Protein backbone atom coordinates (compact mmCIF):
# COMPACT_ATOMS: atom_id res chain seq x y z
CA UNK A 1 85.20 -99.34 61.78
CA UNK A 2 81.96 -100.13 63.26
CA UNK A 3 80.37 -100.34 59.51
CA UNK A 4 83.09 -103.46 58.74
CA UNK A 5 80.47 -105.61 61.14
CA UNK A 6 77.13 -105.05 58.97
CA UNK A 7 75.17 -107.80 57.64
CA UNK A 8 78.33 -109.74 58.54
CA UNK A 9 77.59 -113.54 57.62
CA UNK A 10 79.02 -116.21 60.09
CA UNK A 11 81.27 -118.58 58.47
CA UNK A 12 81.49 -116.71 55.36
CA UNK A 13 85.02 -115.71 53.53
CA UNK A 14 85.25 -112.67 51.60
CA UNK A 15 88.57 -113.14 49.22
CA UNK A 16 89.54 -109.59 48.48
CA UNK A 17 91.27 -109.50 44.82
CA UNK A 18 92.46 -105.94 43.88
CA UNK A 19 93.79 -105.90 40.27
CA UNK A 20 95.46 -103.21 38.39
CA UNK A 21 96.96 -103.98 34.58
CA UNK A 22 97.03 -107.41 34.80
CA UNK A 23 93.99 -109.12 33.06
CA UNK A 24 95.80 -111.55 31.70
CA UNK A 25 96.60 -113.22 35.07
CA UNK A 26 93.37 -112.37 36.70
CA UNK A 27 91.03 -115.73 35.77
CA UNK A 28 94.14 -118.03 37.53
CA UNK A 29 93.65 -116.19 40.82
CA UNK A 30 89.69 -116.09 40.77
CA UNK A 31 89.11 -119.37 39.46
CA UNK A 32 91.62 -120.44 42.51
CA UNK A 33 89.50 -119.20 45.18
CA UNK A 34 86.36 -120.41 43.63
CA UNK A 35 88.19 -124.11 43.20
CA UNK A 36 88.28 -124.00 47.29
CA UNK A 37 87.82 -127.09 49.27
CA UNK A 38 85.91 -124.53 51.73
CA UNK A 39 83.05 -123.47 49.59
CA UNK A 40 81.47 -120.78 51.75
CA UNK A 41 83.20 -118.24 49.96
CA UNK A 42 82.78 -114.55 48.50
CA UNK A 43 85.54 -113.25 46.17
CA UNK A 44 85.45 -109.22 45.59
CA UNK A 45 87.30 -107.79 42.74
CA UNK A 46 88.13 -104.75 42.42
CA UNK A 47 89.52 -102.95 39.65
CA UNK A 48 91.47 -100.27 40.23
CA UNK A 49 92.48 -99.43 36.56
CA UNK A 50 91.36 -96.07 35.65
CA UNK A 51 87.87 -95.51 33.64
CA UNK A 52 88.44 -95.67 29.71
CA UNK A 53 92.23 -97.26 29.72
CA UNK A 54 92.74 -100.31 28.27
CA UNK A 55 93.44 -102.13 31.05
CA UNK A 56 89.86 -101.15 32.09
CA UNK A 57 88.36 -102.37 29.48
CA UNK A 58 90.26 -105.60 29.04
CA UNK A 59 89.24 -106.31 32.53
CA UNK A 60 85.46 -105.79 32.15
CA UNK A 61 85.79 -108.18 29.10
CA UNK A 62 87.38 -110.92 31.21
CA UNK A 63 85.11 -110.44 34.57
CA UNK A 64 81.72 -111.14 31.75
CA UNK A 65 82.70 -114.71 32.26
CA UNK A 66 82.27 -114.36 36.09
CA UNK A 67 79.05 -112.24 35.54
CA UNK A 68 76.04 -115.34 36.51
CA UNK A 69 78.39 -116.47 39.57
CA UNK A 70 76.46 -115.03 42.68
CA UNK A 71 79.74 -115.45 44.40
CA UNK A 72 81.57 -112.92 42.22
CA UNK A 73 81.46 -109.12 43.11
CA UNK A 74 82.98 -106.55 40.75
CA UNK A 75 83.56 -103.06 41.97
CA UNK A 76 85.34 -100.60 39.84
CA UNK A 77 87.59 -97.32 40.71
CA UNK A 78 86.79 -94.66 38.62
CA UNK A 79 90.53 -93.39 38.49
CA UNK A 80 93.94 -95.96 39.84
CA UNK A 81 93.94 -95.28 43.66
CA UNK A 82 96.25 -98.08 45.14
CA UNK A 83 96.26 -101.88 46.47
CA UNK A 84 95.50 -100.47 49.99
CA UNK A 85 92.77 -98.48 48.58
CA UNK A 86 91.31 -101.12 46.72
CA UNK A 87 91.52 -103.83 49.72
CA UNK A 88 89.58 -101.11 51.78
CA UNK A 89 87.04 -100.76 48.78
CA UNK A 90 87.10 -104.63 49.28
CA UNK A 91 86.52 -104.75 52.86
CA UNK A 92 83.91 -101.89 52.72
CA UNK A 93 81.68 -104.13 50.36
CA UNK A 94 82.08 -107.59 52.11
CA UNK A 95 80.39 -109.21 54.66
CA UNK A 96 82.10 -112.19 55.43
CA UNK A 97 82.76 -113.21 59.21
CA UNK A 98 86.60 -113.70 58.18
CA UNK A 99 88.82 -111.68 55.48
CA UNK A 100 91.23 -112.89 53.20
CA UNK A 101 93.49 -110.80 50.39
CA UNK A 102 95.04 -112.44 47.30
CA UNK A 103 96.96 -110.43 44.29
CA UNK A 104 95.73 -110.75 40.94
CA UNK A 105 99.13 -112.79 39.81
CA UNK A 106 98.69 -114.81 42.73
CA UNK A 107 97.02 -118.18 43.50
CA UNK A 108 95.67 -120.50 46.17
CA UNK A 109 96.24 -123.47 46.33
CA UNK A 110 92.57 -126.05 47.06
CA UNK A 111 93.16 -126.20 51.02
CA UNK A 112 94.42 -122.49 51.36
CA UNK A 113 90.80 -121.36 53.09
CA UNK A 114 90.22 -124.63 54.72
CA UNK A 115 93.27 -125.10 57.10
CA UNK A 116 93.02 -121.54 58.18
CA UNK A 117 89.42 -121.65 58.92
CA UNK A 118 89.83 -124.72 60.75
CA UNK A 119 92.73 -122.66 62.62
CA UNK A 120 90.93 -119.36 63.29
CA UNK A 121 87.21 -120.76 64.51
CA UNK A 122 88.88 -122.40 67.55
CA UNK A 123 91.54 -119.49 68.18
CA UNK A 124 91.23 -117.48 71.35
CA UNK A 125 90.16 -113.24 71.34
CA UNK A 126 94.17 -112.28 71.10
CA UNK A 127 94.73 -114.28 67.72
CA UNK A 128 93.45 -111.64 64.95
CA UNK A 129 94.32 -113.34 62.14
CA UNK A 130 96.72 -116.65 60.58
CA UNK A 131 99.05 -116.43 57.86
CA UNK A 132 100.07 -119.36 55.72
CA UNK A 133 103.38 -120.65 54.27
CA UNK A 134 103.83 -119.96 50.18
CA UNK A 135 105.95 -120.73 47.20
CA UNK A 136 107.28 -118.03 45.25
CA UNK A 137 107.84 -118.96 41.39
CA UNK A 138 109.36 -117.05 38.47
CA UNK A 139 108.75 -117.96 34.82
CA UNK A 140 107.29 -121.57 36.23
CA UNK A 141 110.10 -122.20 38.24
CA UNK A 142 109.87 -122.43 42.49
CA UNK A 143 112.57 -120.41 43.63
CA UNK A 144 111.75 -120.14 47.11
CA UNK A 145 109.28 -121.86 49.92
CA UNK A 146 108.77 -120.65 52.62
CA UNK A 147 109.04 -122.56 56.41
CA UNK A 148 107.34 -119.86 58.65
CA UNK A 149 105.93 -121.11 62.06
CA UNK A 150 104.67 -119.85 65.26
CA UNK A 151 103.10 -117.30 67.49
CA UNK A 152 104.26 -113.68 66.09
CA UNK A 153 103.01 -110.46 67.51
CA UNK A 154 105.83 -107.66 67.55
CA UNK A 155 106.99 -105.81 64.72
CA UNK A 156 110.28 -107.21 65.24
CA UNK A 157 110.23 -110.32 63.43
CA UNK A 158 108.70 -108.57 60.59
CA UNK A 159 111.08 -105.15 60.50
CA UNK A 160 113.54 -107.55 60.59
CA UNK A 161 113.02 -109.89 58.01
CA UNK A 162 113.22 -112.85 61.02
CA UNK A 163 109.72 -113.93 58.89
CA UNK A 164 108.42 -112.56 55.33
CA UNK A 165 104.77 -112.90 55.99
CA UNK A 166 104.10 -111.97 52.34
CA UNK A 167 100.62 -110.34 53.60
CA UNK A 168 99.30 -109.06 50.42
CA UNK A 169 98.36 -112.86 49.87
CA UNK A 170 98.92 -115.33 52.64
CA UNK A 171 97.09 -113.18 55.30
CA UNK A 172 93.40 -114.06 56.69
CA UNK A 173 91.83 -111.63 59.39
CA UNK A 174 89.07 -112.05 61.91
CA UNK A 175 86.28 -109.34 61.02
CA UNK A 176 86.13 -107.78 64.29
CA UNK A 177 89.96 -106.84 64.02
CA UNK A 178 88.96 -104.05 61.98
CA UNK A 179 86.92 -102.28 64.86
CA UNK A 180 90.16 -101.67 66.85
CA UNK A 181 92.94 -101.77 64.09
CA UNK A 182 91.08 -99.89 61.10
CA UNK A 183 91.99 -99.63 57.21
CA UNK A 184 94.44 -100.11 55.39
CA UNK A 185 96.56 -96.66 55.52
CA UNK A 186 96.65 -95.25 51.69
CA UNK A 187 99.20 -92.33 52.66
CA UNK A 188 101.78 -95.44 52.38
CA UNK A 189 103.27 -95.73 48.31
CA UNK A 190 104.90 -99.53 50.05
CA UNK A 191 105.18 -101.37 52.66
CA UNK A 192 101.39 -101.13 53.31
CA UNK A 193 100.86 -105.00 54.57
CA UNK A 194 103.58 -103.97 57.52
CA UNK A 195 101.67 -101.03 58.37
CA UNK A 196 98.52 -102.98 59.05
CA UNK A 197 99.90 -105.81 60.28
CA UNK A 198 102.34 -103.35 63.09
CA UNK A 199 99.00 -101.77 64.25
CA UNK A 200 97.70 -104.90 64.54
CA UNK A 201 100.12 -105.96 66.71
CA UNK A 202 99.24 -104.05 69.20
CA UNK A 203 96.21 -105.36 70.18
CA UNK A 204 96.48 -109.06 68.67
CA UNK A 205 98.96 -111.53 67.76
CA UNK A 206 98.85 -113.41 64.24
CA UNK A 207 99.70 -117.39 63.82
CA UNK A 208 101.79 -118.78 61.22
CA UNK A 209 100.56 -121.70 60.02
CA UNK A 210 103.01 -125.06 58.82
CA UNK A 211 100.85 -125.66 55.68
CA UNK A 212 101.99 -123.89 51.81
CA UNK A 213 98.52 -122.42 51.05
CA UNK A 214 99.66 -119.82 48.04
CA UNK A 215 101.89 -119.44 45.07
CA UNK A 216 103.27 -116.04 44.98
CA UNK A 217 104.02 -115.17 40.75
CA UNK A 218 107.11 -112.75 40.11
CA UNK A 219 106.13 -112.98 36.33
CA UNK A 220 103.50 -109.68 36.40
CA UNK A 221 104.25 -106.11 36.47
CA UNK A 222 105.34 -105.06 39.88
CA UNK A 223 105.54 -101.21 40.76
CA UNK A 224 109.16 -101.38 41.98
CA UNK A 225 109.62 -97.64 43.01
CA UNK A 226 113.50 -95.68 42.61
CA UNK A 227 115.32 -96.12 45.48
CA UNK A 228 115.15 -92.49 46.92
CA UNK A 229 110.90 -93.32 46.59
CA UNK A 230 111.58 -96.45 48.82
CA UNK A 231 113.56 -94.49 51.40
CA UNK A 232 110.94 -92.45 52.08
CA UNK A 233 108.38 -94.91 52.06
CA UNK A 234 110.86 -96.38 55.39
CA UNK A 235 111.92 -93.11 56.95
CA UNK A 236 108.08 -92.31 57.43
CA UNK A 237 107.21 -96.21 58.77
CA UNK A 238 110.04 -96.41 61.05
CA UNK A 239 109.13 -92.59 61.92
CA UNK A 240 105.47 -93.77 62.31
CA UNK A 241 106.52 -96.68 64.46
CA UNK A 242 109.25 -95.85 66.19
CA UNK A 243 107.22 -95.76 69.99
CA UNK A 244 106.58 -99.49 69.10
CA UNK A 245 110.26 -99.91 67.82
CA UNK A 246 111.86 -98.29 70.78
CA UNK A 247 109.69 -100.30 72.88
CA UNK A 248 112.17 -103.22 72.24
CA UNK A 249 116.12 -104.09 73.78
CA UNK A 250 118.87 -102.52 71.51
CA UNK A 251 120.00 -104.95 69.91
CA UNK A 252 116.67 -105.73 68.22
CA UNK A 253 116.44 -101.85 67.29
CA UNK A 254 119.61 -101.82 65.85
CA UNK A 255 118.61 -104.85 63.93
CA UNK A 256 115.85 -103.40 62.37
CA UNK A 257 117.49 -100.18 61.31
CA UNK A 258 120.75 -103.21 59.68
CA UNK A 259 117.95 -104.79 58.13
CA UNK A 260 115.90 -101.98 56.33
CA UNK A 261 119.31 -99.67 55.65
CA UNK A 262 120.79 -102.79 53.83
CA UNK A 263 118.10 -102.95 51.73
CA UNK A 264 118.39 -99.08 50.39
CA UNK A 265 122.18 -99.86 49.74
CA UNK A 266 121.30 -102.74 48.20
CA UNK A 267 118.59 -100.56 45.83
CA UNK A 268 121.25 -98.32 45.12
CA UNK A 269 124.06 -100.45 44.25
CA UNK A 270 121.15 -101.98 41.33
CA UNK A 271 120.77 -98.50 39.95
CA UNK A 272 124.59 -98.20 39.67
CA UNK A 273 124.67 -95.47 42.05
CA UNK A 274 127.49 -96.52 44.10
CA UNK A 275 128.34 -93.05 45.33
CA UNK A 276 124.94 -92.54 46.77
CA UNK A 277 125.37 -96.26 48.46
CA UNK A 278 128.33 -95.19 50.35
CA UNK A 279 127.53 -91.57 51.16
CA UNK A 280 123.93 -93.42 52.78
CA UNK A 281 126.37 -96.32 54.37
CA UNK A 282 128.47 -93.69 55.91
CA UNK A 283 125.74 -91.81 57.28
CA UNK A 284 123.13 -94.79 58.37
CA UNK A 285 124.88 -97.96 58.80
CA UNK A 286 127.29 -99.21 62.04
CA UNK A 287 129.43 -102.11 59.46
CA UNK A 288 130.15 -104.01 62.95
CA UNK A 289 126.64 -105.14 62.91
CA UNK A 290 126.71 -106.29 59.37
CA UNK A 291 127.11 -109.67 59.21
CA UNK A 292 130.66 -110.89 56.40
CA UNK A 293 128.18 -112.36 53.72
CA UNK A 294 126.19 -108.86 53.92
CA UNK A 295 129.55 -107.13 52.89
CA UNK A 296 130.40 -109.86 50.35
CA UNK A 297 126.96 -109.56 49.05
CA UNK A 298 126.95 -105.71 48.69
CA UNK A 299 130.47 -106.69 46.73
CA UNK A 300 129.68 -109.21 44.16
CA UNK A 301 126.76 -106.93 43.41
CA UNK A 302 128.82 -104.47 42.24
CA UNK A 303 130.94 -106.86 40.02
CA UNK A 304 128.99 -106.35 36.90
CA UNK A 305 128.94 -102.90 37.07
CA UNK A 306 131.78 -100.38 36.35
CA UNK A 307 135.16 -101.50 37.44
CA UNK A 308 135.99 -98.30 38.68
CA UNK A 309 133.32 -97.77 40.73
CA UNK A 310 133.40 -101.50 41.91
CA UNK A 311 137.01 -100.53 43.04
CA UNK A 312 135.63 -97.45 45.41
CA UNK A 313 133.29 -99.72 46.80
CA UNK A 314 135.90 -102.12 47.77
CA UNK A 315 137.90 -99.31 49.40
CA UNK A 316 134.90 -97.37 51.12
CA UNK A 317 133.96 -100.69 53.08
CA UNK A 318 137.42 -101.04 54.23
CA UNK A 319 137.82 -97.40 55.46
CA UNK A 320 134.07 -96.85 56.85
CA UNK A 321 134.39 -95.77 60.44
CA UNK A 322 133.31 -98.58 63.33
CA UNK A 323 130.95 -96.14 64.37
CA UNK A 324 128.46 -97.44 66.75
CA UNK A 325 125.00 -98.02 65.60
CA UNK A 326 123.08 -95.01 64.11
CA UNK A 327 119.63 -95.34 64.33
CA UNK A 328 118.87 -91.74 63.37
CA UNK A 329 117.29 -91.33 60.18
CA UNK A 330 118.90 -89.12 57.34
């Protein structure tokens, strides 16, 4: 991606904010960037709504308040594409030496950019970027504060849920990284951040810094796919990076597939597709690799459902064969 270096401005941080169907939350995100203690910043808002729809019109109207601010660029897609496509558009229209991302319903704390820049300016060439920790909120109430820290360069921590990067709003990278890694893969409907990071890990490491720099809000409209769609995305992700995964030892490989398939089971249960959940588990999960709390959580998640289905789940857990770990993708 040599074009990503064109007209690069040293020291400038480009913060890319994709927006889709959330004009009511967008201002908070933009203002949190403009009010950073580190002032050498540009904000690139990429409107992923389609021309003519009500969200496009509302977003255009809202963005008028930033029309005279030279730090803010507003770019519109003609039709809805995806969050990944919007990030790519933002990257291609940015000139910063560093690139950060922020979802339109999240917002930065005042020193978020400064803390990352202080680290990245003095980092070695093998460091591709840095993530901060985050607060998660739902209806203004905090329900999670991440406490990650350290240097990571493997798909293991990511795919086994050892670390939650929440990279859509916590990641800042050096522009030079894009020359080796490339842009986001728009063919992924979910896990675009994971796909990008795993490619990055082939050349660089990421440092997770100890400070909390962003608030991630769960109040907005989330694009949550049906489990069948999510399963196809996970299959594609695991197939795409099977070589990277197979470089890990057997236990780490098992951890990855256990975590990924467990999420599928949980989601099927949330959809009350209990039979599908059990069938999937029997084909793909070695229950010997599950912790007791995993099985308990699965049982409890069914209590709110229909009692006969709940009993089927309980019976099936005890009836499952304790086969060796299965990594085969169905």
